[in-house]
Amino acid sequence: MRAAAGRKTNPDIAVAAMRAAGLEPLEPYVTSMTAWRCRCTACGNEVSPTLMKIRAGGGCKFCATHGIDLSGPSKVYVITHREWQAVKIGIGACTGYTSRLIQHERQGWQLHQAREYATGAAAYDVEQAVLGRLRQAGLTPFLTSDIMPNGWTETCSAARVTAAEVWAMVDEETRNATEPYAPRVGDRPRTAVLIDAEAAAVEMRACGYEPLVPYPGRTNATWPSRCMTCGHEGRPTFNAVRNAGQRCRICRAKETQAKRAATNAPKADEIMRAAGLEPLEPYPGSHTPWRCRCKTCGRETNPTYSNVNSGSRGCRFCALDSATHERASTELRAAGFEPLEPYPGRTTDHWSCRCSCGNEVATRLSSVRSGTTGCKKCPRSGGRTDPAAAAAEARAAGFEPLEPYPGKAPTDGAAAAGATRTSRSP
């Protein structure tokens, strides 16, 4: 229980708070900001935390699961940096890929000397004693946090003190140490976060996810779940959902698209109307077909805003890219074909019809429009040139036809000699 502001905490309540944190007081309580000598009931070491730190979630520094391991083996080391002309003292377990000493070596520091201690607490006492002597002489810190973010306060100028002199201080303080610490037996404890499976599922549902399998047991493990908004199945982690507010990626993408569409809608409406199209529904996006009515022909068409904005004609009927059945049939009959079935819907689809010569063919409206395909069994095949026009063209070139127009233009000199017999006009 926390006392009201301006009132002193009851000593009995303070003792109860310390005991709840696993600490047995060894002296009377003074204030919440005063170091209070206690003994840890777990490891047996003496510590001196304040009541305020205990209320904030602190405890025995030897049993802590983070920071320097005061109950495990450690080292005191002295390192030097030739480029920066600096000397540094530090402590650490110095094991593993992420150890502090290895991190320093990556930055160009070189090890001068190191000594192992049974506990990190003993190493810490030696380091602090040496740092106290250096600070009293005005030798620290030498580097700034911009140059060395981690450990800059324990650096000295190599021009004022050498690594050998700093290590001599380490030797002296080690000999003067008279209070050993009991090393811990076994591995360092780890923080265990126990989550109730049912409570975790309730929290996931509150965040918009329906779990598909039971809680995986770890907050950072993927948890197959279904989005309760769009139904998409994903694999978020419980930690990301509860702490970072992770939401369904499909819902996020739709929201982003909707915001972008709302921003671009006024400009899109203006451009479509300038192209002669009247939108019949809200702006769906730049690449989605947009139902509109052509102001020229009055038909409904579905262009995309992207195509219209890039300069293409919006109405496919006015652009002759498409046609109604009546219009397509009229064009086909004008070319000499009678439709045998309804217009297939696209200009590139095959369309069964009968040529004026009686032959049934399967042509395309696009081919009829280009004039490149017709009936191969009648004189209109190829370019479908009129025989009279062909004869007149031959006479204009100085040739008199000796037979009817065969219906196919020659491709080379040999074919011309045998395809059409003409006489040179005198």
Protein backbone atom coordinates (compact mmCIF):
# COMPACT_ATOMS: atom_id res chain seq x y z
CA MET A 1 0.00 0.00 0.00
CA ARG A 2 1.39 3.40 -0.98
CA ALA A 3 1.13 6.31 1.43
CA ALA A 4 -0.56 9.52 0.41
CA ALA A 5 1.62 12.42 -0.74
CA GLY A 6 3.17 14.36 2.12
CA ARG A 7 2.70 11.57 4.69
CA LYS A 8 5.41 9.23 5.96
CA THR A 9 4.97 5.55 5.21
CA ASN A 10 4.10 3.41 8.18
CA PRO A 11 7.22 1.33 9.07
CA ASP A 12 5.13 -1.84 9.35
CA ILE A 13 3.74 -1.32 5.84
CA ALA A 14 7.27 -0.66 4.55
CA VAL A 15 8.59 -3.87 6.12
CA ALA A 16 5.68 -5.83 4.60
CA ALA A 17 6.49 -4.41 1.16
CA MET A 18 10.14 -5.44 1.41
CA ARG A 19 9.28 -8.94 2.61
CA ALA A 20 6.80 -9.31 -0.28
CA ALA A 21 9.74 -8.62 -2.60
CA GLY A 22 11.81 -11.37 -0.95
CA LEU A 23 13.95 -9.05 1.20
CA GLU A 24 14.35 -9.20 4.99
CA PRO A 25 15.21 -5.77 6.54
CA LEU A 26 18.38 -5.71 8.71
CA GLU A 27 17.83 -2.19 10.11
CA PRO A 28 14.91 0.14 10.91
CA TYR A 29 13.06 1.90 8.13
CA VAL A 30 13.96 5.58 7.57
CA THR A 31 12.35 6.98 4.39
CA SER A 32 11.30 5.66 0.98
CA MET A 33 14.34 7.38 -0.63
CA THR A 34 16.91 6.06 1.85
CA ALA A 35 18.99 2.97 1.08
CA TRP A 36 17.70 0.16 3.33
CA ARG A 37 20.07 -2.66 4.22
CA CYS A 38 18.32 -6.02 3.71
CA ARG A 39 19.12 -9.66 3.11
CA CYS A 40 17.73 -11.51 0.10
CA THR A 41 15.82 -14.62 1.20
CA ALA A 42 16.61 -16.30 -2.14
CA CYS A 43 20.38 -15.91 -2.49
CA GLY A 44 21.37 -14.77 1.04
CA ASN A 45 23.29 -11.68 -0.13
CA GLU A 46 22.99 -8.28 1.50
CA VAL A 47 21.57 -5.50 -0.65
CA SER A 48 20.53 -1.90 0.00
CA PRO A 49 17.63 -0.89 -2.28
CA THR A 50 15.23 1.95 -1.51
CA LEU A 51 11.56 1.33 -0.78
CA MET A 52 10.69 3.46 -3.81
CA LYS A 53 12.66 1.14 -6.14
CA ILE A 54 10.96 -1.91 -4.62
CA ARG A 55 7.54 -0.36 -5.20
CA ALA A 56 8.55 0.32 -8.82
CA GLY A 57 9.20 -3.39 -9.38
CA GLY A 58 12.84 -3.72 -8.31
CA GLY A 59 14.35 -6.36 -6.04
CA CYS A 60 17.60 -8.08 -5.21
CA LYS A 61 20.33 -7.01 -7.62
CA PHE A 62 21.99 -10.43 -7.31
CA CYS A 63 18.80 -12.24 -8.39
CA ALA A 64 18.04 -9.85 -11.24
CA THR A 65 17.41 -11.46 -14.62
CA HIS A 66 18.86 -8.53 -16.58
CA GLY A 67 21.92 -6.30 -16.50
CA ILE A 68 25.24 -7.34 -14.95
CA ASP A 69 25.17 -10.80 -13.39
CA LEU A 70 26.48 -10.00 -9.88
CA SER A 71 26.28 -13.63 -8.70
CA GLY A 72 28.00 -15.19 -11.70
CA PRO A 73 31.65 -15.14 -12.83
CA SER A 74 32.90 -11.89 -14.32
CA LYS A 75 36.04 -10.04 -15.39
CA VAL A 76 37.67 -6.67 -14.88
CA TYR A 77 39.48 -5.57 -18.02
CA VAL A 78 41.58 -2.62 -19.16
CA ILE A 79 41.56 -1.78 -22.87
CA THR A 80 43.24 0.85 -25.04
CA HIS A 81 42.38 2.60 -28.32
CA ARG A 82 45.34 3.79 -30.39
CA GLU A 83 43.40 6.10 -32.72
CA TRP A 84 41.41 7.81 -29.96
CA GLN A 85 44.42 7.82 -27.55
CA ALA A 86 42.18 6.52 -24.78
CA VAL A 87 42.25 4.00 -21.93
CA LYS A 88 39.16 2.33 -20.48
CA ILE A 89 38.30 0.08 -17.53
CA GLY A 90 35.22 -2.13 -17.56
CA ILE A 91 33.59 -5.31 -16.27
CA GLY A 92 31.49 -8.03 -17.86
CA ALA A 93 30.94 -11.73 -18.24
CA CYS A 94 33.03 -11.53 -21.46
CA THR A 95 31.46 -14.70 -22.86
CA GLY A 96 29.34 -15.23 -25.92
CA TYR A 97 29.13 -13.42 -29.23
CA THR A 98 27.40 -10.36 -27.70
CA SER A 99 29.73 -9.80 -24.74
CA ARG A 100 30.72 -6.21 -24.00
CA LEU A 101 34.44 -6.90 -24.44
CA ILE A 102 33.89 -8.34 -27.94
CA GLN A 103 31.76 -5.31 -28.84
CA HIS A 104 34.62 -3.02 -27.79
CA GLU A 105 37.12 -5.02 -29.85
CA ARG A 106 34.94 -4.53 -32.92
CA GLN A 107 35.28 -0.77 -32.43
CA GLY A 108 39.08 -0.93 -32.45
CA TRP A 109 39.83 -1.36 -28.74
CA GLN A 110 42.70 -3.67 -27.79
CA LEU A 111 42.84 -5.70 -24.59
CA HIS A 112 45.66 -4.69 -22.23
CA GLN A 113 44.92 -7.09 -19.38
CA ALA A 114 41.97 -8.83 -17.70
CA ARG A 115 41.33 -10.68 -14.44
CA GLU A 116 38.56 -13.12 -13.58
CA TYR A 117 36.47 -12.88 -10.40
CA ALA A 118 34.13 -15.41 -8.85
CA THR A 119 31.21 -12.96 -8.86
CA GLY A 120 30.22 -9.89 -10.77
CA ALA A 121 29.75 -8.09 -7.44
CA ALA A 122 33.43 -8.46 -6.56
CA ALA A 123 34.43 -7.26 -10.03
CA TYR A 124 32.02 -4.33 -9.69
CA ASP A 125 33.55 -3.26 -6.34
CA VAL A 126 37.07 -3.25 -7.82
CA GLU A 127 35.94 -1.30 -10.88
CA GLN A 128 34.13 1.31 -8.80
CA ALA A 129 37.10 1.72 -6.47
CA VAL A 130 39.45 2.34 -9.43
CA LEU A 131 36.97 4.72 -11.09
CA GLY A 132 36.69 6.63 -7.80
CA ARG A 133 40.44 7.19 -7.75
CA LEU A 134 40.49 8.25 -11.40
CA ARG A 135 37.60 10.67 -10.97
CA GLN A 136 39.20 12.15 -7.89
CA ALA A 137 42.24 12.90 -10.05
CA GLY A 138 40.01 14.42 -12.75
CA LEU A 139 40.86 11.84 -15.40
CA THR A 140 37.37 10.67 -16.43
CA PRO A 141 35.48 10.82 -18.67
CA PHE A 142 37.69 11.45 -21.70
CA LEU A 143 35.47 10.40 -24.67
CA THR A 144 31.89 11.58 -25.33
CA SER A 145 28.71 9.58 -25.86
CA ASP A 146 28.70 10.57 -29.56
CA ILE A 147 31.98 8.73 -30.12
CA MET A 148 31.36 5.83 -27.74
CA PRO A 149 27.68 5.36 -26.75
CA ASN A 150 28.40 2.47 -24.35
CA GLY A 151 30.98 2.94 -21.60
CA TRP A 152 32.21 6.45 -22.39
CA THR A 153 32.12 7.46 -18.69
CA GLU A 154 34.90 4.95 -17.85
CA THR A 155 37.41 6.33 -20.39
CA CYS A 156 40.63 8.27 -19.66
CA SER A 157 43.16 10.14 -21.75
CA ALA A 158 46.15 7.96 -22.58
CA ALA A 159 48.31 11.10 -22.44
CA ARG A 160 47.55 11.49 -18.71
CA VAL A 161 47.40 7.92 -17.50
CA THR A 162 48.68 4.71 -19.08
CA ALA A 163 46.97 1.33 -19.21
CA ALA A 164 49.71 -0.09 -16.99
CA GLU A 165 48.99 2.53 -14.32
CA VAL A 166 45.26 1.77 -14.40
CA TRP A 167 45.98 -1.95 -14.12
CA ALA A 168 48.23 -1.29 -11.10
CA MET A 169 45.22 0.29 -9.41
CA VAL A 170 43.18 -2.85 -10.23
CA ASP A 171 45.83 -5.02 -8.54
CA GLU A 172 45.89 -2.83 -5.45
CA GLU A 173 42.10 -2.70 -5.05
CA THR A 174 41.85 -6.46 -5.58
CA ARG A 175 44.33 -7.05 -2.71
CA ASN A 176 42.42 -4.64 -0.46
CA ALA A 177 39.06 -6.36 -1.06
CA THR A 178 38.03 -8.03 2.22
CA GLU A 179 34.34 -8.90 1.77
CA PRO A 180 33.89 -11.80 -0.67
CA TYR A 181 30.52 -12.66 -2.22
CA ALA A 182 29.05 -16.13 -2.47
CA PRO A 183 28.82 -17.22 -6.13
CA ARG A 184 25.53 -18.57 -7.39
CA VAL A 185 25.11 -22.28 -7.96
CA GLY A 186 23.62 -23.09 -11.37
CA ASP A 187 22.57 -20.90 -14.28
CA ARG A 188 21.25 -17.38 -14.00
CA PRO A 189 17.46 -17.25 -13.59
CA ARG A 190 15.45 -16.16 -16.58
CA THR A 191 12.36 -14.03 -16.71
CA ALA A 192 9.30 -16.20 -17.23
CA VAL A 193 6.13 -14.60 -18.54
CA LEU A 194 3.19 -16.86 -17.79
CA ILE A 195 0.08 -16.09 -19.80
CA ASP A 196 -3.25 -17.74 -19.18
CA ALA A 197 -4.35 -19.38 -22.42
CA GLU A 198 -8.01 -18.42 -22.12
CA ALA A 199 -7.16 -14.84 -21.13
CA ALA A 200 -4.85 -14.60 -24.16
CA ALA A 201 -7.63 -15.82 -26.48
CA VAL A 202 -10.05 -13.23 -25.02
CA GLU A 203 -7.47 -10.50 -25.60
CA MET A 204 -6.93 -11.63 -29.20
CA ARG A 205 -10.68 -11.47 -29.87
CA ALA A 206 -10.82 -8.00 -28.35
CA CYS A 207 -8.15 -6.98 -30.87
CA GLY A 208 -10.14 -8.39 -33.80
CA TYR A 209 -8.63 -11.89 -34.18
CA GLU A 210 -10.31 -15.27 -33.76
CA PRO A 211 -7.67 -17.87 -32.75
CA LEU A 212 -7.71 -21.02 -34.89
CA VAL A 213 -5.48 -23.06 -32.54
CA PRO A 214 -4.83 -22.96 -28.78
CA TYR A 215 -2.35 -20.44 -27.33
CA PRO A 216 1.14 -21.52 -28.51
CA GLY A 217 2.68 -20.94 -25.08
CA ARG A 218 5.01 -18.04 -25.95
CA THR A 219 4.16 -14.40 -26.60
CA ASN A 220 6.55 -14.19 -29.56
CA ALA A 221 5.36 -17.39 -31.28
CA THR A 222 3.10 -17.10 -34.32
CA TRP A 223 -0.56 -17.79 -33.56
CA PRO A 224 -2.76 -18.81 -36.54
CA SER A 225 -5.86 -16.62 -36.35
CA ARG A 226 -8.68 -15.31 -38.54
CA CYS A 227 -9.45 -11.63 -38.89
CA MET A 228 -12.96 -11.00 -37.55
CA THR A 229 -13.43 -8.12 -40.02
CA CYS A 230 -12.43 -9.50 -43.42
CA GLY A 231 -11.99 -13.22 -42.68
CA HIS A 232 -8.34 -13.35 -43.78
CA GLU A 233 -6.28 -16.02 -42.01
CA GLY A 234 -2.88 -14.88 -40.79
CA ARG A 235 -0.17 -15.74 -38.26
CA PRO A 236 0.36 -12.76 -35.92
CA THR A 237 2.20 -13.03 -32.61
CA PHE A 238 0.42 -12.36 -29.34
CA ASN A 239 3.19 -9.94 -28.36
CA ALA A 240 2.78 -7.85 -31.55
CA VAL A 241 -1.01 -7.74 -31.19
CA ARG A 242 -1.12 -6.74 -27.53
CA ASN A 243 1.89 -4.37 -27.44
CA ALA A 244 2.31 -3.01 -30.97
CA GLY A 245 -1.35 -3.08 -31.97
CA GLN A 246 -0.69 -5.21 -35.06
CA ARG A 247 -3.79 -5.47 -37.25
CA CYS A 248 -4.77 -7.59 -40.24
CA ARG A 249 -2.64 -6.66 -43.26
CA ILE A 250 -5.58 -7.06 -45.63
CA CYS A 251 -7.69 -4.62 -43.61
CA ARG A 252 -4.79 -2.19 -43.45
CA ALA A 253 -4.33 -2.38 -47.23
CA LYS A 254 -8.04 -1.76 -47.83
CA GLU A 255 -8.05 1.21 -45.51
CA THR A 256 -5.01 2.66 -47.22
CA GLN A 257 -6.63 2.17 -50.62
CA ALA A 258 -9.85 3.79 -49.40
CA LYS A 259 -7.97 6.81 -48.05
CA ARG A 260 -6.06 7.15 -51.32
CA ALA A 261 -9.29 6.85 -53.33
CA ALA A 262 -10.99 9.51 -51.19
CA THR A 263 -8.07 11.85 -51.82
CA ASN A 264 -7.98 11.24 -55.60
CA ALA A 265 -11.77 11.11 -56.17
CA PRO A 266 -12.34 14.85 -56.91
CA LYS A 267 -9.54 14.96 -59.48
CA ALA A 268 -10.66 11.67 -61.06
CA ASP A 269 -14.26 12.90 -61.46
CA GLU A 270 -13.03 16.07 -63.12
CA ILE A 271 -10.80 14.21 -65.59
CA MET A 272 -13.50 11.67 -66.52
CA ARG A 273 -16.05 14.42 -67.19
CA ALA A 274 -13.48 16.33 -69.26
CA ALA A 275 -13.10 13.14 -71.36
CA GLY A 276 -16.85 13.09 -72.05
CA LEU A 277 -17.80 10.47 -69.45
CA GLU A 278 -20.33 10.82 -66.64
CA PRO A 279 -19.47 8.56 -63.64
CA LEU A 280 -22.39 6.37 -62.50
CA GLU A 281 -20.72 5.16 -59.26
CA PRO A 282 -18.09 6.38 -56.78
CA TYR A 283 -14.44 6.36 -57.76
CA PRO A 284 -13.25 2.71 -57.34
CA GLY A 285 -9.51 3.22 -57.84
CA SER A 286 -7.17 3.99 -60.70
CA HIS A 287 -6.96 0.43 -62.12
CA THR A 288 -10.53 -0.77 -61.44
CA PRO A 289 -13.18 -0.52 -64.25
CA TRP A 290 -15.38 2.49 -63.54
CA ARG A 291 -18.99 2.38 -64.76
CA CYS A 292 -19.70 5.57 -66.69
CA ARG A 293 -22.05 6.91 -69.38
CA CYS A 294 -20.65 8.38 -72.56
CA LYS A 295 -21.99 11.89 -73.18
CA THR A 296 -21.54 11.44 -76.94
CA CYS A 297 -23.30 8.14 -77.69
CA GLY A 298 -25.20 7.70 -74.41
CA ARG A 299 -23.98 4.13 -73.86
CA GLU A 300 -22.59 2.71 -70.62
CA THR A 301 -18.92 1.86 -70.68
CA ASN A 302 -16.33 0.73 -68.13
CA PRO A 303 -12.96 2.39 -68.68
CA THR A 304 -10.31 2.69 -65.97
CA TYR A 305 -9.25 6.05 -64.67
CA SER A 306 -5.63 5.14 -65.37
CA ASN A 307 -6.29 4.63 -69.09
CA VAL A 308 -8.36 7.79 -69.45
CA ASN A 309 -5.79 9.83 -67.52
CA SER A 310 -3.02 8.51 -69.82
CA GLY A 311 -4.84 9.83 -72.91
CA SER A 312 -6.92 6.93 -74.25
CA ARG A 313 -10.54 7.45 -75.34
CA GLY A 314 -12.94 6.58 -72.60
CA CYS A 315 -15.87 5.23 -74.60
CA ARG A 316 -14.99 2.05 -76.42
CA PHE A 317 -18.06 2.40 -78.67
CA CYS A 318 -17.05 5.83 -79.91
CA ALA A 319 -13.49 4.58 -80.36
CA LEU A 320 -14.78 1.64 -82.49
CA ASP A 321 -13.12 -0.78 -80.12
CA SER A 322 -16.56 -2.32 -79.51
CA ALA A 323 -19.95 -2.22 -81.17
CA THR A 324 -23.58 -3.17 -80.70
CA HIS A 325 -25.12 -6.07 -82.59
CA GLU A 326 -26.94 -3.74 -84.95
CA ARG A 327 -23.89 -1.67 -85.77
CA ALA A 328 -21.62 -4.71 -86.21
CA SER A 329 -24.19 -6.42 -88.50
CA THR A 330 -24.46 -3.28 -90.62
CA GLU A 331 -20.69 -3.13 -91.04
CA LEU A 332 -20.54 -6.83 -91.93
CA ARG A 333 -23.30 -6.56 -94.57
CA ALA A 334 -21.62 -3.48 -96.07
CA ALA A 335 -18.52 -5.63 -96.59
CA GLY A 336 -20.54 -8.32 -98.40
CA PHE A 337 -21.16 -10.80 -95.55
CA GLU A 338 -24.43 -11.98 -94.02
CA PRO A 339 -24.23 -12.86 -90.28
CA LEU A 340 -25.25 -16.42 -89.43
CA GLU A 341 -25.20 -15.84 -85.62
CA PRO A 342 -25.45 -12.91 -83.23
CA TYR A 343 -22.47 -10.62 -82.78
CA PRO A 344 -20.03 -12.42 -80.40
CA GLY A 345 -19.36 -9.25 -78.40
CA ARG A 346 -15.74 -8.43 -79.24
CA THR A 347 -14.20 -7.22 -82.47
CA THR A 348 -11.51 -9.93 -82.32
CA ASP A 349 -13.93 -12.87 -81.85
CA HIS A 350 -14.66 -15.22 -84.76
CA TRP A 351 -18.07 -14.51 -86.33
CA SER A 352 -19.76 -17.08 -88.59
CA CYS A 353 -21.22 -15.48 -91.72
CA ARG A 354 -21.91 -16.13 -95.40
CA CYS A 355 -20.06 -14.36 -98.17
CA SER A 356 -21.98 -12.89 -101.10
CA CYS A 357 -20.52 -15.73 -103.20
CA GLY A 358 -22.33 -18.25 -100.99
CA ASN A 359 -19.28 -19.51 -99.10
CA GLU A 360 -19.53 -19.73 -95.29
CA VAL A 361 -16.58 -18.21 -93.47
CA ALA A 362 -15.58 -17.33 -89.90
CA THR A 363 -14.23 -13.80 -89.96
CA ARG A 364 -13.66 -11.07 -87.39
CA LEU A 365 -15.18 -7.62 -87.22
CA SER A 366 -11.70 -6.17 -86.71
CA SER A 367 -10.53 -7.90 -89.92
CA VAL A 368 -13.55 -6.63 -91.85
CA ARG A 369 -12.83 -3.11 -90.64
CA SER A 370 -9.17 -3.35 -91.68
CA GLY A 371 -10.07 -4.85 -95.06
CA THR A 372 -7.45 -7.59 -94.84
CA THR A 373 -9.60 -10.76 -94.62
CA GLY A 374 -12.50 -12.00 -96.73
CA CYS A 375 -13.74 -15.04 -98.56
CA LYS A 376 -10.89 -17.00 -100.15
CA LYS A 377 -13.16 -18.61 -102.77
CA CYS A 378 -14.35 -15.49 -104.50
CA PRO A 379 -12.64 -12.68 -106.40
CA ARG A 380 -13.04 -10.45 -103.30
CA SER A 381 -10.33 -12.27 -101.39
CA GLY A 382 -7.15 -10.49 -100.47
CA GLY A 383 -7.81 -6.77 -100.55
CA ARG A 384 -11.30 -7.28 -102.15
CA THR A 385 -10.41 -4.87 -105.01
CA ASP A 386 -13.25 -4.25 -107.50
CA PRO A 387 -12.46 -5.91 -110.90
CA ALA A 388 -13.49 -2.82 -112.87
CA ALA A 389 -11.33 -0.60 -110.67
CA ALA A 390 -8.44 -3.01 -111.13
CA ALA A 391 -8.82 -2.93 -114.94
CA ALA A 392 -9.00 0.87 -114.95
CA GLU A 393 -5.86 1.05 -112.79
CA ALA A 394 -4.03 -1.30 -115.18
CA ARG A 395 -5.03 0.82 -118.23
CA ALA A 396 -3.93 3.98 -116.42
CA ALA A 397 -0.52 2.37 -116.04
CA GLY A 398 -0.34 1.65 -119.79
CA PHE A 399 -1.52 -1.98 -119.79
CA GLU A 400 -4.54 -3.55 -121.51
CA PRO A 401 -5.93 -6.58 -119.52
CA LEU A 402 -6.30 -9.75 -121.67
CA GLU A 403 -8.41 -11.61 -119.00
CA PRO A 404 -10.62 -10.78 -116.02
CA TYR A 405 -9.03 -9.56 -112.77
CA PRO A 406 -7.94 -12.72 -110.91
CA GLY A 407 -8.58 -11.20 -107.50
CA LYS A 408 -5.05 -11.38 -106.07
CA ALA A 409 -2.20 -8.93 -106.37
CA PRO A 410 1.13 -10.41 -107.60
CA THR A 411 3.99 -10.56 -105.11
CA ASP A 412 6.96 -10.82 -107.49
CA GLY A 413 7.90 -10.65 -111.17
CA ALA A 414 7.38 -14.36 -111.88
CA ALA A 415 3.96 -14.40 -110.28
CA ALA A 416 3.02 -11.29 -112.18
CA ALA A 417 3.86 -12.92 -115.49
CA GLY A 418 1.57 -15.89 -114.87
CA ALA A 419 -1.17 -14.29 -112.78
CA THR A 420 -2.40 -11.57 -115.15
CA ARG A 421 -1.87 -11.42 -118.88
CA THR A 422 -1.68 -7.89 -120.19
CA SER A 423 -0.42 -6.19 -123.36
CA ARG A 424 1.55 -3.03 -123.38
CA SER A 425 -0.47 -0.23 -124.97
CA PRO A 426 1.19 1.32 -127.98
